């Protein structure tokens, strides 16, 4: 079965920076422009993503560690 939400890697591999949530989507082989959002939440009110526990867990880990230059040696997330 083909994943209809596969990332457009020709675009994303050339991006100098990605947002934390975009990086998580890409790590899960999901096109960031096709991430499901919870219409009842905003980014500032909580978690606006409706992609399940794995997505939320990965996002929590990225956000908690993005200033750790041992894990992220370059400024790859904004």
PDB file of N, CA and C in Angstrom:
ATOM      1  N   UNK A   1       0.836  -1.191   0.000  1.00  0.00           N
ATOM      2  CA  UNK A   1       0.000   0.000   0.000  1.00  0.00           C
ATOM      3  C   UNK A   1       0.876   1.249   0.000  1.00  0.00           C
ATOM      4  N   UNK A   2       0.589   2.170  -0.868  1.00  0.00           N
ATOM      5  CA  UNK A   2       1.376   3.380  -1.011  1.00  0.00           C
ATOM      6  C   UNK A   2       0.956   4.429   0.019  1.00  0.00           C
ATOM      7  N   UNK A   3       1.960   5.045   0.653  1.00  0.00           N
ATOM      8  CA  UNK A   3       1.689   6.118   1.602  1.00  0.00           C
ATOM      9  C   UNK A   3       1.458   7.406   0.820  1.00  0.00           C
ATOM     10  N   UNK A   4       0.231   7.909   0.817  1.00  0.00           N
ATOM     11  CA  UNK A   4      -0.106   9.104   0.043  1.00  0.00           C
ATOM     12  C   UNK A   4       0.387  10.381   0.710  1.00  0.00           C
ATOM     13  N   UNK A   5       0.928  10.257   1.906  1.00  0.00           N
ATOM     14  CA  UNK A   5       1.441  11.434   2.606  1.00  0.00           C
ATOM     15  C   UNK A   5       2.966  11.431   2.667  1.00  0.00           C
ATOM     16  N   UNK A   6       3.617  10.668   1.803  1.00  0.00           N
ATOM     17  CA  UNK A   6       5.092  10.623   1.802  1.00  0.00           C
ATOM     18  C   UNK A   6       5.661  12.002   1.533  1.00  0.00           C
ATOM     19  N   UNK A   7       6.752  12.329   2.208  1.00  0.00           N
ATOM     20  CA  UNK A   7       7.376  13.641   1.997  1.00  0.00           C
ATOM     21  C   UNK A   7       7.896  13.817   0.576  1.00  0.00           C
ATOM     22  N   UNK A   8       7.922  15.046   0.155  1.00  0.00           N
ATOM     23  CA  UNK A   8       8.548  15.408  -1.114  1.00  0.00           C
ATOM     24  C   UNK A   8      10.016  15.658  -0.799  1.00  0.00           C
ATOM     25  N   UNK A   9      10.783  14.580  -0.813  1.00  0.00           N
ATOM     26  CA  UNK A   9      12.178  14.641  -0.375  1.00  0.00           C
ATOM     27  C   UNK A   9      13.030  15.555  -1.237  1.00  0.00           C
ATOM     28  N   UNK A  10      12.696  15.732  -2.503  1.00  0.00           N
ATOM     29  CA  UNK A  10      13.462  16.651  -3.352  1.00  0.00           C
ATOM     30  C   UNK A  10      13.416  18.061  -2.782  1.00  0.00           C
ATOM     31  N   UNK A  11      12.323  18.412  -2.147  1.00  0.00           N
ATOM     32  CA  UNK A  11      12.194  19.717  -1.498  1.00  0.00           C
ATOM     33  C   UNK A  11      12.858  19.700  -0.129  1.00  0.00           C
ATOM     34  N   UNK A  12      12.460  18.753   0.720  1.00  0.00           N
ATOM     35  CA  UNK A  12      12.843  18.791   2.129  1.00  0.00           C
ATOM     36  C   UNK A  12      14.331  18.554   2.362  1.00  0.00           C
ATOM     37  N   UNK A  13      14.974  17.794   1.516  1.00  0.00           N
ATOM     38  CA  UNK A  13      16.403  17.551   1.731  1.00  0.00           C
ATOM     39  C   UNK A  13      17.238  18.796   1.465  1.00  0.00           C
ATOM     40  N   UNK A  14      16.675  19.796   0.802  1.00  0.00           N
ATOM     41  CA  UNK A  14      17.384  21.036   0.504  1.00  0.00           C
ATOM     42  C   UNK A  14      17.047  22.173   1.464  1.00  0.00           C
ATOM     43  N   UNK A  15      16.133  21.939   2.387  1.00  0.00           N
ATOM     44  CA  UNK A  15      15.737  22.993   3.317  1.00  0.00           C
ATOM     45  C   UNK A  15      16.841  23.194   4.360  1.00  0.00           C
ATOM     46  N   UNK A  16      17.327  24.422   4.533  1.00  0.00           N
ATOM     47  CA  UNK A  16      18.395  24.666   5.506  1.00  0.00           C
ATOM     48  C   UNK A  16      17.911  24.570   6.958  1.00  0.00           C
ATOM     49  N   UNK A  17      16.632  24.821   7.183  1.00  0.00           N
ATOM     50  CA  UNK A  17      16.051  24.732   8.524  1.00  0.00           C
ATOM     51  C   UNK A  17      14.648  24.169   8.421  1.00  0.00           C
ATOM     52  N   UNK A  18      14.250  23.474   9.470  1.00  0.00           N
ATOM     53  CA  UNK A  18      12.871  23.000   9.580  1.00  0.00           C
ATOM     54  C   UNK A  18      12.403  23.238  11.008  1.00  0.00           C
ATOM     55  N   UNK A  19      11.123  23.414  11.175  1.00  0.00           N
ATOM     56  CA  UNK A  19      10.541  23.527  12.510  1.00  0.00           C
ATOM     57  C   UNK A  19      10.589  22.150  13.173  1.00  0.00           C
ATOM     58  N   UNK A  20      10.550  22.141  14.488  1.00  0.00           N
ATOM     59  CA  UNK A  20      10.608  20.869  15.220  1.00  0.00           C
ATOM     60  C   UNK A  20       9.508  19.921  14.758  1.00  0.00           C
ATOM     61  N   UNK A  21       8.289  20.423  14.610  1.00  0.00           N
ATOM     62  CA  UNK A  21       7.187  19.545  14.204  1.00  0.00           C
ATOM     63  C   UNK A  21       7.375  19.043  12.773  1.00  0.00           C
ATOM     64  N   UNK A  22       7.997  19.851  11.902  1.00  0.00           N
ATOM     65  CA  UNK A  22       8.276  19.391  10.542  1.00  0.00           C
ATOM     66  C   UNK A  22       9.304  18.262  10.561  1.00  0.00           C
ATOM     67  N   UNK A  23      10.326  18.404  11.413  1.00  0.00           N
ATOM     68  CA  UNK A  23      11.334  17.357  11.543  1.00  0.00           C
ATOM     69  C   UNK A  23      10.708  16.054  12.024  1.00  0.00           C
ATOM     70  N   UNK A  24       9.793  16.161  12.958  1.00  0.00           N
ATOM     71  CA  UNK A  24       9.110  14.961  13.467  1.00  0.00           C
ATOM     72  C   UNK A  24       8.273  14.325  12.357  1.00  0.00           C
ATOM     73  N   UNK A  25       7.549  15.136  11.632  1.00  0.00           N
ATOM     74  CA  UNK A  25       6.747  14.596  10.527  1.00  0.00           C
ATOM     75  C   UNK A  25       7.642  13.867   9.530  1.00  0.00           C
ATOM     76  N   UNK A  26       8.758  14.495   9.167  1.00  0.00           N
ATOM     77  CA  UNK A  26       9.678  13.867   8.224  1.00  0.00           C
ATOM     78  C   UNK A  26      10.255  12.571   8.778  1.00  0.00           C
ATOM     79  N   UNK A  27      10.530  12.547  10.085  1.00  0.00           N
ATOM     80  CA  UNK A  27      11.072  11.327  10.696  1.00  0.00           C
ATOM     81  C   UNK A  27      10.068  10.185  10.662  1.00  0.00           C
ATOM     82  N   UNK A  28       8.791  10.540  10.534  1.00  0.00           N
ATOM     83  CA  UNK A  28       7.734   9.522  10.467  1.00  0.00           C
ATOM     84  C   UNK A  28       7.284   9.277   9.025  1.00  0.00           C
ATOM     85  N   UNK A  29       8.039   9.838   8.054  1.00  0.00           N
ATOM     86  CA  UNK A  29       7.742   9.679   6.638  1.00  0.00           C
ATOM     87  C   UNK A  29       6.386  10.292   6.269  1.00  0.00           C
ATOM     88  N   UNK A  30       6.100  11.462   6.875  1.00  0.00           N
ATOM     89  CA  UNK A  30       4.868  12.195   6.592  1.00  0.00           C
ATOM     90  C   UNK A  30       5.251  13.551   6.007  1.00  0.00           C
ATOM     91  N   UNK A  31       4.621  13.941   4.931  1.00  0.00           N
ATOM     92  CA  UNK A  31       4.806  15.273   4.351  1.00  0.00           C
ATOM     93  C   UNK A  31       4.306  16.315   5.365  1.00  0.00           C
ATOM     94  N   UNK A  32       5.171  17.226   5.810  1.00  0.00           N
ATOM     95  CA  UNK A  32       4.731  18.220   6.795  1.00  0.00           C
ATOM     96  C   UNK A  32       3.495  19.009   6.375  1.00  0.00           C
ATOM     97  N   UNK A  33       3.336  19.272   5.101  1.00  0.00           N
ATOM     98  CA  UNK A  33       2.164  20.009   4.636  1.00  0.00           C
ATOM     99  C   UNK A  33       0.883  19.184   4.736  1.00  0.00           C
ATOM    100  N   UNK A  34       1.009  17.893   5.066  1.00  0.00           N
ATOM    101  CA  UNK A  34      -0.166  17.041   5.198  1.00  0.00           C
ATOM    102  C   UNK A  34      -0.353  16.506   6.615  1.00  0.00           C
ATOM    103  N   UNK A  35       0.311  17.123   7.577  1.00  0.00           N
ATOM    104  CA  UNK A  35       0.131  16.737   8.978  1.00  0.00           C
ATOM    105  C   UNK A  35      -1.292  17.092   9.394  1.00  0.00           C
ATOM    106  N   UNK A  36      -1.916  16.201  10.145  1.00  0.00           N
ATOM    107  CA  UNK A  36      -3.266  16.443  10.650  1.00  0.00           C
ATOM    108  C   UNK A  36      -3.212  17.322  11.891  1.00  0.00           C
ATOM    109  N   UNK A  37      -4.035  18.347  11.904  1.00  0.00           N
ATOM    110  CA  UNK A  37      -4.120  19.256  13.040  1.00  0.00           C
ATOM    111  C   UNK A  37      -5.444  19.080  13.742  1.00  0.00           C
ATOM    112  N   UNK A  38      -5.428  19.282  15.058  1.00  0.00           N
ATOM    113  CA  UNK A  38      -6.635  19.273  15.871  1.00  0.00           C
ATOM    114  C   UNK A  38      -7.196  20.684  15.809  1.00  0.00           C
ATOM    115  N   UNK A  39      -8.325  20.830  15.184  1.00  0.00           N
ATOM    116  CA  UNK A  39      -8.927  22.154  14.979  1.00  0.00           C
ATOM    117  C   UNK A  39      -9.273  22.861  16.289  1.00  0.00           C
ATOM    118  N   UNK A  40      -9.403  22.121  17.378  1.00  0.00           N
ATOM    119  CA  UNK A  40      -9.803  22.731  18.653  1.00  0.00           C
ATOM    120  C   UNK A  40      -8.616  23.278  19.446  1.00  0.00           C
ATOM    121  N   UNK A  41      -7.394  23.007  19.008  1.00  0.00           N
ATOM    122  CA  UNK A  41      -6.192  23.466  19.711  1.00  0.00           C
ATOM    123  C   UNK A  41      -5.387  24.410  18.836  1.00  0.00           C
ATOM    124  N   UNK A  42      -4.693  25.341  19.468  1.00  0.00           N
ATOM    125  CA  UNK A  42      -3.747  26.166  18.731  1.00  0.00           C
ATOM    126  C   UNK A  42      -2.347  25.786  19.196  1.00  0.00           C
ATOM    127  N   UNK A  43      -1.347  26.211  18.459  1.00  0.00           N
ATOM    128  CA  UNK A  43       0.034  25.882  18.807  1.00  0.00           C
ATOM    129  C   UNK A  43       0.387  26.416  20.187  1.00  0.00           C
ATOM    130  N   UNK A  44      -0.171  27.540  20.556  1.00  0.00           N
ATOM    131  CA  UNK A  44       0.172  28.173  21.827  1.00  0.00           C
ATOM    132  C   UNK A  44      -0.672  27.648  22.993  1.00  0.00           C
ATOM    133  N   UNK A  45      -1.821  27.066  22.708  1.00  0.00           N
ATOM    134  CA  UNK A  45      -2.689  26.545  23.763  1.00  0.00           C
ATOM    135  C   UNK A  45      -2.340  25.129  24.182  1.00  0.00           C
ATOM    136  N   UNK A  46      -1.614  24.439  23.370  1.00  0.00           N
ATOM    137  CA  UNK A  46      -1.306  23.037  23.670  1.00  0.00           C
ATOM    138  C   UNK A  46      -0.719  22.374  22.452  1.00  0.00           C
ATOM    139  N   UNK A  47      -1.083  21.150  22.241  1.00  0.00           N
ATOM    140  CA  UNK A  47      -0.569  20.395  21.108  1.00  0.00           C
ATOM    141  C   UNK A  47      -1.595  20.449  19.982  1.00  0.00           C
ATOM    142  N   UNK A  48      -1.296  21.156  18.904  1.00  0.00           N
ATOM    143  CA  UNK A  48      -2.286  21.286  17.829  1.00  0.00           C
ATOM    144  C   UNK A  48      -2.285  20.129  16.835  1.00  0.00           C
ATOM    145  N   UNK A  49      -1.468  19.121  17.079  1.00  0.00           N
ATOM    146  CA  UNK A  49      -1.314  18.041  16.112  1.00  0.00           C
ATOM    147  C   UNK A  49      -2.207  16.858  16.443  1.00  0.00           C
ATOM    148  N   UNK A  50      -2.772  16.280  15.418  1.00  0.00           N
ATOM    149  CA  UNK A  50      -3.644  15.118  15.562  1.00  0.00           C
ATOM    150  C   UNK A  50      -3.031  13.960  14.780  1.00  0.00           C
ATOM    151  N   UNK A  51      -1.831  13.550  15.222  1.00  0.00           N
ATOM    152  CA  UNK A  51      -1.099  12.483  14.543  1.00  0.00           C
ATOM    153  C   UNK A  51      -0.820  11.290  15.451  1.00  0.00           C
ATOM    154  N   UNK A  52      -1.297  11.337  16.660  1.00  0.00           N
ATOM    155  CA  UNK A  52      -1.134  10.197  17.543  1.00  0.00           C
ATOM    156  C   UNK A  52       0.010  10.313  18.531  1.00  0.00           C
ATOM    157  N   UNK A  53       0.095   9.311  19.394  1.00  0.00           N
ATOM    158  CA  UNK A  53       1.053   9.301  20.497  1.00  0.00           C
ATOM    159  C   UNK A  53       2.510   9.301  20.033  1.00  0.00           C
ATOM    160  N   UNK A  54       2.839   8.532  19.018  1.00  0.00           N
ATOM    161  CA  UNK A  54       4.224   8.469  18.541  1.00  0.00           C
ATOM    162  C   UNK A  54       4.703   9.847  18.075  1.00  0.00           C
ATOM    163  N   UNK A  55       3.868  10.553  17.334  1.00  0.00           N
ATOM    164  CA  UNK A  55       4.210  11.900  16.880  1.00  0.00           C
ATOM    165  C   UNK A  55       4.425  12.813  18.084  1.00  0.00           C
ATOM    166  N   UNK A  56       3.496  12.788  19.019  1.00  0.00           N
ATOM    167  CA  UNK A  56       3.599  13.639  20.218  1.00  0.00           C
ATOM    168  C   UNK A  56       4.837  13.308  21.039  1.00  0.00           C
ATOM    169  N   UNK A  57       5.144  12.026  21.186  1.00  0.00           N
ATOM    170  CA  UNK A  57       6.333  11.620  21.938  1.00  0.00           C
ATOM    171  C   UNK A  57       7.606  12.119  21.263  1.00  0.00           C
ATOM    172  N   UNK A  58       7.692  11.935  19.955  1.00  0.00           N
ATOM    173  CA  UNK A  58       8.881  12.396  19.237  1.00  0.00           C
ATOM    174  C   UNK A  58       9.020  13.917  19.322  1.00  0.00           C
ATOM    175  N   UNK A  59       7.905  14.625  19.207  1.00  0.00           N
ATOM    176  CA  UNK A  59       7.954  16.076  19.291  1.00  0.00           C
ATOM    177  C   UNK A  59       8.433  16.519  20.672  1.00  0.00           C
ATOM    178  N   UNK A  60       7.958  15.877  21.717  1.00  0.00           N
ATOM    179  CA  UNK A  60       8.402  16.199  23.075  1.00  0.00           C
ATOM    180  C   UNK A  60       9.904  15.998  23.228  1.00  0.00           C
ATOM    181  N   UNK A  61      10.422  14.922  22.680  1.00  0.00           N
ATOM    182  CA  UNK A  61      11.859  14.635  22.767  1.00  0.00           C
ATOM    183  C   UNK A  61      12.667  15.682  21.997  1.00  0.00           C
ATOM    184  N   UNK A  62      12.228  16.027  20.805  1.00  0.00           N
ATOM    185  CA  UNK A  62      12.947  17.023  20.006  1.00  0.00           C
ATOM    186  C   UNK A  62      12.963  18.371  20.717  1.00  0.00           C
ATOM    187  N   UNK A  63      11.821  18.807  21.194  1.00  0.00           N
ATOM    188  CA  UNK A  63      11.735  20.102  21.868  1.00  0.00           C
ATOM    189  C   UNK A  63      12.597  20.122  23.127  1.00  0.00           C
ATOM    190  N   UNK A  64      12.594  19.040  23.875  1.00  0.00           N
ATOM    191  CA  UNK A  64      13.380  18.974  25.109  1.00  0.00           C
ATOM    192  C   UNK A  64      14.880  18.960  24.853  1.00  0.00           C
ATOM    193  N   UNK A  65      15.290  18.492  23.678  1.00  0.00           N
ATOM    194  CA  UNK A  65      16.719  18.320  23.392  1.00  0.00           C
ATOM    195  C   UNK A  65      17.285  19.237  22.314  1.00  0.00           C
ATOM    196  N   UNK A  66      16.479  20.104  21.729  1.00  0.00           N
ATOM    197  CA  UNK A  66      16.974  20.842  20.568  1.00  0.00           C
ATOM    198  C   UNK A  66      18.101  21.814  20.880  1.00  0.00           C
ATOM    199  N   UNK A  67      18.268  22.209  22.128  1.00  0.00           N
ATOM    200  CA  UNK A  67      19.402  23.081  22.465  1.00  0.00           C
ATOM    201  C   UNK A  67      20.657  22.278  22.812  1.00  0.00           C
ATOM    202  N   UNK A  68      20.538  20.959  22.865  1.00  0.00           N
ATOM    203  CA  UNK A  68      21.658  20.082  23.177  1.00  0.00           C
ATOM    204  C   UNK A  68      22.483  19.864  21.904  1.00  0.00           C
ATOM    205  N   UNK A  69      23.634  20.518  21.800  1.00  0.00           N
ATOM    206  CA  UNK A  69      24.452  20.443  20.595  1.00  0.00           C
ATOM    207  C   UNK A  69      25.136  19.086  20.423  1.00  0.00           C
ATOM    208  N   UNK A  70      25.091  18.225  21.434  1.00  0.00           N
ATOM    209  CA  UNK A  70      25.577  16.854  21.259  1.00  0.00           C
ATOM    210  C   UNK A  70      24.588  16.059  20.403  1.00  0.00           C
ATOM    211  N   UNK A  71      23.303  16.312  20.587  1.00  0.00           N
ATOM    212  CA  UNK A  71      22.274  15.613  19.808  1.00  0.00           C
ATOM    213  C   UNK A  71      21.988  16.306  18.485  1.00  0.00           C
ATOM    214  N   UNK A  72      22.009  17.631  18.491  1.00  0.00           N
ATOM    215  CA  UNK A  72      21.759  18.434  17.299  1.00  0.00           C
ATOM    216  C   UNK A  72      22.935  19.367  17.099  1.00  0.00           C
ATOM    217  N   UNK A  73      23.985  18.898  16.435  1.00  0.00           N
ATOM    218  CA  UNK A  73      25.218  19.694  16.333  1.00  0.00           C
ATOM    219  C   UNK A  73      25.085  20.954  15.486  1.00  0.00           C
ATOM    220  N   UNK A  74      24.052  21.040  14.672  1.00  0.00           N
ATOM    221  CA  UNK A  74      23.824  22.245  13.883  1.00  0.00           C
ATOM    222  C   UNK A  74      22.458  22.805  14.203  1.00  0.00           C
ATOM    223  N   UNK A  75      22.273  24.049  13.914  1.00  0.00           N
ATOM    224  CA  UNK A  75      20.979  24.689  14.164  1.00  0.00           C
ATOM    225  C   UNK A  75      20.008  24.257  13.069  1.00  0.00           C
ATOM    226  N   UNK A  76      19.442  23.066  13.230  1.00  0.00           N
ATOM    227  CA  UNK A  76      18.592  22.518  12.169  1.00  0.00           C
ATOM    228  C   UNK A  76      17.112  22.695  12.449  1.00  0.00           C
ATOM    229  N   UNK A  77      16.768  23.144  13.628  1.00  0.00           N
ATOM    230  CA  UNK A  77      15.355  23.370  13.922  1.00  0.00           C
ATOM    231  C   UNK A  77      15.165  24.786  14.388  1.00  0.00           C
ATOM    232  N   UNK A  78      14.036  25.318  14.079  1.00  0.00           N
ATOM    233  CA  UNK A  78      13.745  26.673  14.542  1.00  0.00           C
ATOM    234  C   UNK A  78      12.606  26.635  15.521  1.00  0.00           C
TER     235      UNK A  78
END
